[in-house]
């Protein structure tokens, strides 16, 4: 499927609502712009929270989430043998 859009004088384009809905892109969302030859590819970037929402069950949320995340990353790196 393809759409024709206009590039304005500042180089901006407006993605049609149908396109945004098809790829789940909301206001304030981020996209990655790639250039391959003469092609421009625009891909939505999902946040880590969106990607892994519901992947893990947490019995009790830690009081200090920042410290919890630092420790979780430390354990993950240690498990990789680095």
PDB file of N, CA and C in Angstrom:
ATOM      1  N   UNK A   1       0.851  -1.166   0.000  1.00  0.00           N
ATOM      2  CA  UNK A   1       0.000   0.000   0.000  1.00  0.00           C
ATOM      3  C   UNK A   1       0.900   1.234   0.000  1.00  0.00           C
ATOM      4  N   UNK A   2       0.545   2.236  -0.744  1.00  0.00           N
ATOM      5  CA  UNK A   2       1.339   3.461  -0.774  1.00  0.00           C
ATOM      6  C   UNK A   2       0.410   4.673  -0.769  1.00  0.00           C
ATOM      7  N   UNK A   3       0.950   5.781  -0.315  1.00  0.00           N
ATOM      8  CA  UNK A   3       0.214   7.033  -0.229  1.00  0.00           C
ATOM      9  C   UNK A   3       1.083   8.135  -0.805  1.00  0.00           C
ATOM     10  N   UNK A   4       0.464   9.144  -1.365  1.00  0.00           N
ATOM     11  CA  UNK A   4       1.187  10.308  -1.862  1.00  0.00           C
ATOM     12  C   UNK A   4       0.970  11.440  -0.863  1.00  0.00           C
ATOM     13  N   UNK A   5       2.075  12.028  -0.383  1.00  0.00           N
ATOM     14  CA  UNK A   5       2.000  13.160   0.537  1.00  0.00           C
ATOM     15  C   UNK A   5       2.868  14.286  -0.019  1.00  0.00           C
ATOM     16  N   UNK A   6       2.642  15.482   0.462  1.00  0.00           N
ATOM     17  CA  UNK A   6       3.378  16.655  -0.007  1.00  0.00           C
ATOM     18  C   UNK A   6       4.428  17.035   1.032  1.00  0.00           C
ATOM     19  N   UNK A   7       5.613  17.392   0.554  1.00  0.00           N
ATOM     20  CA  UNK A   7       6.668  17.915   1.422  1.00  0.00           C
ATOM     21  C   UNK A   7       6.511  19.432   1.443  1.00  0.00           C
ATOM     22  N   UNK A   8       6.376  20.022   2.656  1.00  0.00           N
ATOM     23  CA  UNK A   8       6.198  21.478   2.712  1.00  0.00           C
ATOM     24  C   UNK A   8       7.544  22.192   2.608  1.00  0.00           C
ATOM     25  N   UNK A   9       7.525  23.530   2.649  1.00  0.00           N
ATOM     26  CA  UNK A   9       8.755  24.295   2.428  1.00  0.00           C
ATOM     27  C   UNK A   9       9.793  24.094   3.530  1.00  0.00           C
ATOM     28  N   UNK A  10       9.383  23.568   4.688  1.00  0.00           N
ATOM     29  CA  UNK A  10      10.329  23.268   5.766  1.00  0.00           C
ATOM     30  C   UNK A  10      10.775  21.808   5.736  1.00  0.00           C
ATOM     31  N   UNK A  11      10.346  21.063   4.725  1.00  0.00           N
ATOM     32  CA  UNK A  11      10.753  19.667   4.591  1.00  0.00           C
ATOM     33  C   UNK A  11       9.892  18.690   5.368  1.00  0.00           C
ATOM     34  N   UNK A  12       8.777  19.146   5.908  1.00  0.00           N
ATOM     35  CA  UNK A  12       7.906  18.286   6.707  1.00  0.00           C
ATOM     36  C   UNK A  12       6.881  17.592   5.823  1.00  0.00           C
ATOM     37  N   UNK A  13       6.459  16.424   6.297  1.00  0.00           N
ATOM     38  CA  UNK A  13       5.353  15.726   5.647  1.00  0.00           C
ATOM     39  C   UNK A  13       4.299  15.440   6.703  1.00  0.00           C
ATOM     40  N   UNK A  14       3.079  15.262   6.258  1.00  0.00           N
ATOM     41  CA  UNK A  14       1.987  14.896   7.156  1.00  0.00           C
ATOM     42  C   UNK A  14       1.555  13.487   6.788  1.00  0.00           C
ATOM     43  N   UNK A  15       1.699  12.574   7.743  1.00  0.00           N
ATOM     44  CA  UNK A  15       1.254  11.203   7.491  1.00  0.00           C
ATOM     45  C   UNK A  15      -0.265  11.157   7.612  1.00  0.00           C
ATOM     46  N   UNK A  16      -0.941  10.603   6.635  1.00  0.00           N
ATOM     47  CA  UNK A  16      -2.398  10.506   6.716  1.00  0.00           C
ATOM     48  C   UNK A  16      -2.841   9.722   7.960  1.00  0.00           C
ATOM     49  N   UNK A  17      -3.989  10.093   8.491  1.00  0.00           N
ATOM     50  CA  UNK A  17      -4.526   9.441   9.686  1.00  0.00           C
ATOM     51  C   UNK A  17      -4.590   7.926   9.504  1.00  0.00           C
ATOM     52  N   UNK A  18      -4.999   7.475   8.330  1.00  0.00           N
ATOM     53  CA  UNK A  18      -5.109   6.036   8.075  1.00  0.00           C
ATOM     54  C   UNK A  18      -3.754   5.348   8.245  1.00  0.00           C
ATOM     55  N   UNK A  19      -2.686   5.982   7.779  1.00  0.00           N
ATOM     56  CA  UNK A  19      -1.339   5.420   7.916  1.00  0.00           C
ATOM     57  C   UNK A  19      -0.951   5.350   9.385  1.00  0.00           C
ATOM     58  N   UNK A  20      -1.178   6.439  10.118  1.00  0.00           N
ATOM     59  CA  UNK A  20      -0.837   6.458  11.546  1.00  0.00           C
ATOM     60  C   UNK A  20      -1.593   5.378  12.300  1.00  0.00           C
ATOM     61  N   UNK A  21      -2.856   5.192  11.973  1.00  0.00           N
ATOM     62  CA  UNK A  21      -3.652   4.150  12.631  1.00  0.00           C
ATOM     63  C   UNK A  21      -3.141   2.760  12.272  1.00  0.00           C
ATOM     64  N   UNK A  22      -2.759   2.564  11.014  1.00  0.00           N
ATOM     65  CA  UNK A  22      -2.293   1.245  10.568  1.00  0.00           C
ATOM     66  C   UNK A  22      -1.032   0.797  11.309  1.00  0.00           C
ATOM     67  N   UNK A  23      -0.157   1.751  11.633  1.00  0.00           N
ATOM     68  CA  UNK A  23       1.109   1.390  12.283  1.00  0.00           C
ATOM     69  C   UNK A  23       1.114   1.716  13.772  1.00  0.00           C
ATOM     70  N   UNK A  24      -0.017   2.201  14.292  1.00  0.00           N
ATOM     71  CA  UNK A  24      -0.125   2.477  15.721  1.00  0.00           C
ATOM     72  C   UNK A  24       0.714   3.657  16.173  1.00  0.00           C
ATOM     73  N   UNK A  25       0.791   4.683  15.354  1.00  0.00           N
ATOM     74  CA  UNK A  25       1.604   5.854  15.667  1.00  0.00           C
ATOM     75  C   UNK A  25       0.709   6.960  16.211  1.00  0.00           C
ATOM     76  N   UNK A  26       0.981   7.373  17.449  1.00  0.00           N
ATOM     77  CA  UNK A  26       0.192   8.419  18.093  1.00  0.00           C
ATOM     78  C   UNK A  26       0.963   9.732  18.110  1.00  0.00           C
ATOM     79  N   UNK A  27       0.258  10.808  18.434  1.00  0.00           N
ATOM     80  CA  UNK A  27       0.900  12.112  18.544  1.00  0.00           C
ATOM     81  C   UNK A  27       2.041  12.028  19.547  1.00  0.00           C
ATOM     82  N   UNK A  28       3.184  12.588  19.206  1.00  0.00           N
ATOM     83  CA  UNK A  28       4.342  12.558  20.091  1.00  0.00           C
ATOM     84  C   UNK A  28       5.180  11.305  19.939  1.00  0.00           C
ATOM     85  N   UNK A  29       4.713  10.353  19.116  1.00  0.00           N
ATOM     86  CA  UNK A  29       5.476   9.129  18.896  1.00  0.00           C
ATOM     87  C   UNK A  29       6.726   9.405  18.075  1.00  0.00           C
ATOM     88  N   UNK A  30       7.681   8.520  18.185  1.00  0.00           N
ATOM     89  CA  UNK A  30       8.937   8.668  17.456  1.00  0.00           C
ATOM     90  C   UNK A  30       8.965   7.739  16.255  1.00  0.00           C
ATOM     91  N   UNK A  31       9.650   8.194  15.215  1.00  0.00           N
ATOM     92  CA  UNK A  31       9.854   7.373  14.032  1.00  0.00           C
ATOM     93  C   UNK A  31      11.341   7.371  13.687  1.00  0.00           C
ATOM     94  N   UNK A  32      11.760   6.327  13.025  1.00  0.00           N
ATOM     95  CA  UNK A  32      13.127   6.226  12.510  1.00  0.00           C
ATOM     96  C   UNK A  32      13.042   6.501  11.015  1.00  0.00           C
ATOM     97  N   UNK A  33      13.910   7.367  10.525  1.00  0.00           N
ATOM     98  CA  UNK A  33      13.956   7.685   9.101  1.00  0.00           C
ATOM     99  C   UNK A  33      15.243   7.095   8.540  1.00  0.00           C
ATOM    100  N   UNK A  34      15.087   6.186   7.578  1.00  0.00           N
ATOM    101  CA  UNK A  34      16.246   5.551   6.947  1.00  0.00           C
ATOM    102  C   UNK A  34      16.275   5.940   5.475  1.00  0.00           C
ATOM    103  N   UNK A  35      17.487   6.112   4.965  1.00  0.00           N
ATOM    104  CA  UNK A  35      17.666   6.401   3.547  1.00  0.00           C
ATOM    105  C   UNK A  35      18.400   5.221   2.936  1.00  0.00           C
ATOM    106  N   UNK A  36      17.787   4.596   1.952  1.00  0.00           N
ATOM    107  CA  UNK A  36      18.381   3.467   1.235  1.00  0.00           C
ATOM    108  C   UNK A  36      18.367   3.820  -0.244  1.00  0.00           C
ATOM    109  N   UNK A  37      19.529   4.219  -0.738  1.00  0.00           N
ATOM    110  CA  UNK A  37      19.588   4.681  -2.122  1.00  0.00           C
ATOM    111  C   UNK A  37      18.779   5.956  -2.248  1.00  0.00           C
ATOM    112  N   UNK A  38      17.792   5.937  -3.112  1.00  0.00           N
ATOM    113  CA  UNK A  38      16.916   7.099  -3.267  1.00  0.00           C
ATOM    114  C   UNK A  38      15.584   6.916  -2.543  1.00  0.00           C
ATOM    115  N   UNK A  39      15.507   5.903  -1.690  1.00  0.00           N
ATOM    116  CA  UNK A  39      14.272   5.628  -0.943  1.00  0.00           C
ATOM    117  C   UNK A  39      14.371   6.184   0.466  1.00  0.00           C
ATOM    118  N   UNK A  40      13.271   6.696   0.969  1.00  0.00           N
ATOM    119  CA  UNK A  40      13.165   7.146   2.353  1.00  0.00           C
ATOM    120  C   UNK A  40      12.178   6.215   3.036  1.00  0.00           C
ATOM    121  N   UNK A  41      12.621   5.588   4.124  1.00  0.00           N
ATOM    122  CA  UNK A  41      11.776   4.638   4.851  1.00  0.00           C
ATOM    123  C   UNK A  41      11.517   5.207   6.242  1.00  0.00           C
ATOM    124  N   UNK A  42      10.253   5.276   6.616  1.00  0.00           N
ATOM    125  CA  UNK A  42       9.853   5.798   7.923  1.00  0.00           C
ATOM    126  C   UNK A  42       9.243   4.650   8.713  1.00  0.00           C
ATOM    127  N   UNK A  43       9.839   4.359   9.881  1.00  0.00           N
ATOM    128  CA  UNK A  43       9.361   3.254  10.727  1.00  0.00           C
ATOM    129  C   UNK A  43       9.060   3.773  12.127  1.00  0.00           C
ATOM    130  N   UNK A  44       7.933   3.371  12.711  1.00  0.00           N
ATOM    131  CA  UNK A  44       7.664   3.774  14.091  1.00  0.00           C
ATOM    132  C   UNK A  44       8.649   3.101  15.037  1.00  0.00           C
ATOM    133  N   UNK A  45       9.015   3.808  16.095  1.00  0.00           N
ATOM    134  CA  UNK A  45       9.884   3.256  17.132  1.00  0.00           C
ATOM    135  C   UNK A  45       9.020   3.013  18.356  1.00  0.00           C
ATOM    136  N   UNK A  46       9.002   1.803  18.819  1.00  0.00           N
ATOM    137  CA  UNK A  46       8.231   1.449  20.011  1.00  0.00           C
ATOM    138  C   UNK A  46       9.105   1.621  21.246  1.00  0.00           C
ATOM    139  N   UNK A  47       8.522   2.134  22.315  1.00  0.00           N
ATOM    140  CA  UNK A  47       9.270   2.243  23.560  1.00  0.00           C
ATOM    141  C   UNK A  47       9.438   0.849  24.150  1.00  0.00           C
ATOM    142  N   UNK A  48      10.448   0.699  24.959  1.00  0.00           N
ATOM    143  CA  UNK A  48      10.690  -0.589  25.611  1.00  0.00           C
ATOM    144  C   UNK A  48       9.486  -0.962  26.468  1.00  0.00           C
ATOM    145  N   UNK A  49       8.891   0.023  27.120  1.00  0.00           N
ATOM    146  CA  UNK A  49       7.726  -0.248  27.967  1.00  0.00           C
ATOM    147  C   UNK A  49       6.582  -0.826  27.143  1.00  0.00           C
ATOM    148  N   UNK A  50       6.357  -0.282  25.946  1.00  0.00           N
ATOM    149  CA  UNK A  50       5.292  -0.803  25.086  1.00  0.00           C
ATOM    150  C   UNK A  50       5.610  -2.213  24.609  1.00  0.00           C
ATOM    151  N   UNK A  51       6.857  -2.442  24.227  1.00  0.00           N
ATOM    152  CA  UNK A  51       7.253  -3.744  23.684  1.00  0.00           C
ATOM    153  C   UNK A  51       7.070  -4.867  24.701  1.00  0.00           C
ATOM    154  N   UNK A  52       7.408  -4.583  25.958  1.00  0.00           N
ATOM    155  CA  UNK A  52       7.413  -5.649  26.957  1.00  0.00           C
ATOM    156  C   UNK A  52       6.291  -5.539  27.978  1.00  0.00           C
ATOM    157  N   UNK A  53       5.306  -4.670  27.715  1.00  0.00           N
ATOM    158  CA  UNK A  53       4.193  -4.523  28.647  1.00  0.00           C
ATOM    159  C   UNK A  53       3.512  -5.871  28.850  1.00  0.00           C
ATOM    160  N   UNK A  54       3.395  -6.278  30.096  1.00  0.00           N
ATOM    161  CA  UNK A  54       2.725  -7.528  30.422  1.00  0.00           C
ATOM    162  C   UNK A  54       3.586  -8.767  30.283  1.00  0.00           C
ATOM    163  N   UNK A  55       4.848  -8.605  29.903  1.00  0.00           N
ATOM    164  CA  UNK A  55       5.719  -9.766  29.710  1.00  0.00           C
ATOM    165  C   UNK A  55       6.139 -10.382  31.042  1.00  0.00           C
ATOM    166  N   UNK A  56       6.188  -9.574  32.075  1.00  0.00           N
ATOM    167  CA  UNK A  56       6.616 -10.062  33.378  1.00  0.00           C
ATOM    168  C   UNK A  56       5.571  -9.710  34.422  1.00  0.00           C
ATOM    169  N   UNK A  57       5.360 -10.643  35.318  1.00  0.00           N
ATOM    170  CA  UNK A  57       4.425 -10.391  36.407  1.00  0.00           C
ATOM    171  C   UNK A  57       5.232  -9.927  37.614  1.00  0.00           C
ATOM    172  N   UNK A  58       4.815  -8.835  38.200  1.00  0.00           N
ATOM    173  CA  UNK A  58       5.494  -8.292  39.368  1.00  0.00           C
ATOM    174  C   UNK A  58       4.527  -8.400  40.536  1.00  0.00           C
ATOM    175  N   UNK A  59       4.950  -9.122  41.561  1.00  0.00           N
ATOM    176  CA  UNK A  59       4.099  -9.299  42.744  1.00  0.00           C
ATOM    177  C   UNK A  59       3.946  -7.990  43.509  1.00  0.00           C
ATOM    178  N   UNK A  60       5.078  -7.285  43.670  1.00  0.00           N
ATOM    179  CA  UNK A  60       5.053  -6.028  44.409  1.00  0.00           C
ATOM    180  C   UNK A  60       6.027  -5.072  43.733  1.00  0.00           C
ATOM    181  N   UNK A  61       5.559  -3.876  43.422  1.00  0.00           N
ATOM    182  CA  UNK A  61       6.437  -2.891  42.797  1.00  0.00           C
ATOM    183  C   UNK A  61       7.465  -2.412  43.808  1.00  0.00           C
ATOM    184  N   UNK A  62       8.725  -2.282  43.381  1.00  0.00           N
ATOM    185  CA  UNK A  62       9.752  -1.773  44.297  1.00  0.00           C
ATOM    186  C   UNK A  62       9.488  -0.302  44.617  1.00  0.00           C
ATOM    187  N   UNK A  63       9.894   0.104  45.827  1.00  0.00           N
ATOM    188  CA  UNK A  63       9.677   1.499  46.210  1.00  0.00           C
ATOM    189  C   UNK A  63      10.585   2.432  45.415  1.00  0.00           C
ATOM    190  N   UNK A  64      11.820   1.995  45.153  1.00  0.00           N
ATOM    191  CA  UNK A  64      12.757   2.808  44.373  1.00  0.00           C
ATOM    192  C   UNK A  64      12.983   2.115  43.034  1.00  0.00           C
ATOM    193  N   UNK A  65      12.188   2.484  42.049  1.00  0.00           N
ATOM    194  CA  UNK A  65      12.234   1.817  40.749  1.00  0.00           C
ATOM    195  C   UNK A  65      13.581   2.006  40.060  1.00  0.00           C
ATOM    196  N   UNK A  66      14.203   3.179  40.228  1.00  0.00           N
ATOM    197  CA  UNK A  66      15.506   3.418  39.599  1.00  0.00           C
ATOM    198  C   UNK A  66      16.553   2.435  40.111  1.00  0.00           C
ATOM    199  N   UNK A  67      16.625   2.268  41.423  1.00  0.00           N
ATOM    200  CA  UNK A  67      17.593   1.326  41.998  1.00  0.00           C
ATOM    201  C   UNK A  67      17.285  -0.097  41.565  1.00  0.00           C
ATOM    202  N   UNK A  68      16.010  -0.429  41.510  1.00  0.00           N
ATOM    203  CA  UNK A  68      15.604  -1.760  41.080  1.00  0.00           C
ATOM    204  C   UNK A  68      16.079  -2.032  39.659  1.00  0.00           C
ATOM    205  N   UNK A  69      15.888  -1.056  38.764  1.00  0.00           N
ATOM    206  CA  UNK A  69      16.295  -1.230  37.371  1.00  0.00           C
ATOM    207  C   UNK A  69      17.808  -1.341  37.238  1.00  0.00           C
ATOM    208  N   UNK A  70      18.550  -0.529  37.991  1.00  0.00           N
ATOM    209  CA  UNK A  70      20.018  -0.613  37.954  1.00  0.00           C
ATOM    210  C   UNK A  70      20.459  -2.004  38.378  1.00  0.00           C
ATOM    211  N   UNK A  71      19.879  -2.526  39.436  1.00  0.00           N
ATOM    212  CA  UNK A  71      20.236  -3.867  39.919  1.00  0.00           C
ATOM    213  C   UNK A  71      19.833  -4.942  38.914  1.00  0.00           C
ATOM    214  N   UNK A  72      18.672  -4.794  38.302  1.00  0.00           N
ATOM    215  CA  UNK A  72      18.222  -5.775  37.308  1.00  0.00           C
ATOM    216  C   UNK A  72      19.165  -5.804  36.112  1.00  0.00           C
ATOM    217  N   UNK A  73      19.590  -4.652  35.651  1.00  0.00           N
ATOM    218  CA  UNK A  73      20.529  -4.594  34.524  1.00  0.00           C
ATOM    219  C   UNK A  73      21.872  -5.186  34.927  1.00  0.00           C
ATOM    220  N   UNK A  74      22.333  -4.888  36.150  1.00  0.00           N
ATOM    221  CA  UNK A  74      23.600  -5.449  36.635  1.00  0.00           C
ATOM    222  C   UNK A  74      23.545  -6.974  36.646  1.00  0.00           C
ATOM    223  N   UNK A  75      22.435  -7.534  37.142  1.00  0.00           N
ATOM    224  CA  UNK A  75      22.293  -8.995  37.173  1.00  0.00           C
ATOM    225  C   UNK A  75      22.246  -9.567  35.761  1.00  0.00           C
ATOM    226  N   UNK A  76      21.567  -8.871  34.858  1.00  0.00           N
ATOM    227  CA  UNK A  76      21.480  -9.333  33.476  1.00  0.00           C
ATOM    228  C   UNK A  76      22.861  -9.362  32.831  1.00  0.00           C
ATOM    229  N   UNK A  77      23.643  -8.285  33.015  1.00  0.00           N
ATOM    230  CA  UNK A  77      24.997  -8.259  32.449  1.00  0.00           C
ATOM    231  C   UNK A  77      25.855  -9.360  33.060  1.00  0.00           C
ATOM    232  N   UNK A  78      25.723  -9.573  34.368  1.00  0.00           N
ATOM    233  CA  UNK A  78      26.507 -10.615  35.036  1.00  0.00           C
ATOM    234  C   UNK A  78      26.149 -11.991  34.485  1.00  0.00           C
ATOM    235  N   UNK A  79      24.882 -12.199  34.162  1.00  0.00           N
ATOM    236  CA  UNK A  79      24.459 -13.504  33.640  1.00  0.00           C
ATOM    237  C   UNK A  79      25.001 -13.764  32.242  1.00  0.00           C
ATOM    238  N   UNK A  80      25.398 -12.724  31.543  1.00  0.00           N
ATOM    239  CA  UNK A  80      25.953 -12.865  30.196  1.00  0.00           C
ATOM    240  C   UNK A  80      27.445 -13.183  30.241  1.00  0.00           C
ATOM    241  N   UNK A  81      28.026 -13.164  31.435  1.00  0.00           N
ATOM    242  CA  UNK A  81      29.435 -13.509  31.568  1.00  0.00           C
ATOM    243  C   UNK A  81      30.380 -12.390  31.186  1.00  0.00           C
ATOM    244  N   UNK A  82      29.900 -11.148  31.275  1.00  0.00           N
ATOM    245  CA  UNK A  82      30.783 -10.021  30.936  1.00  0.00           C
ATOM    246  C   UNK A  82      31.217  -9.288  32.167  1.00  0.00           C
TER     247      UNK A  82
END
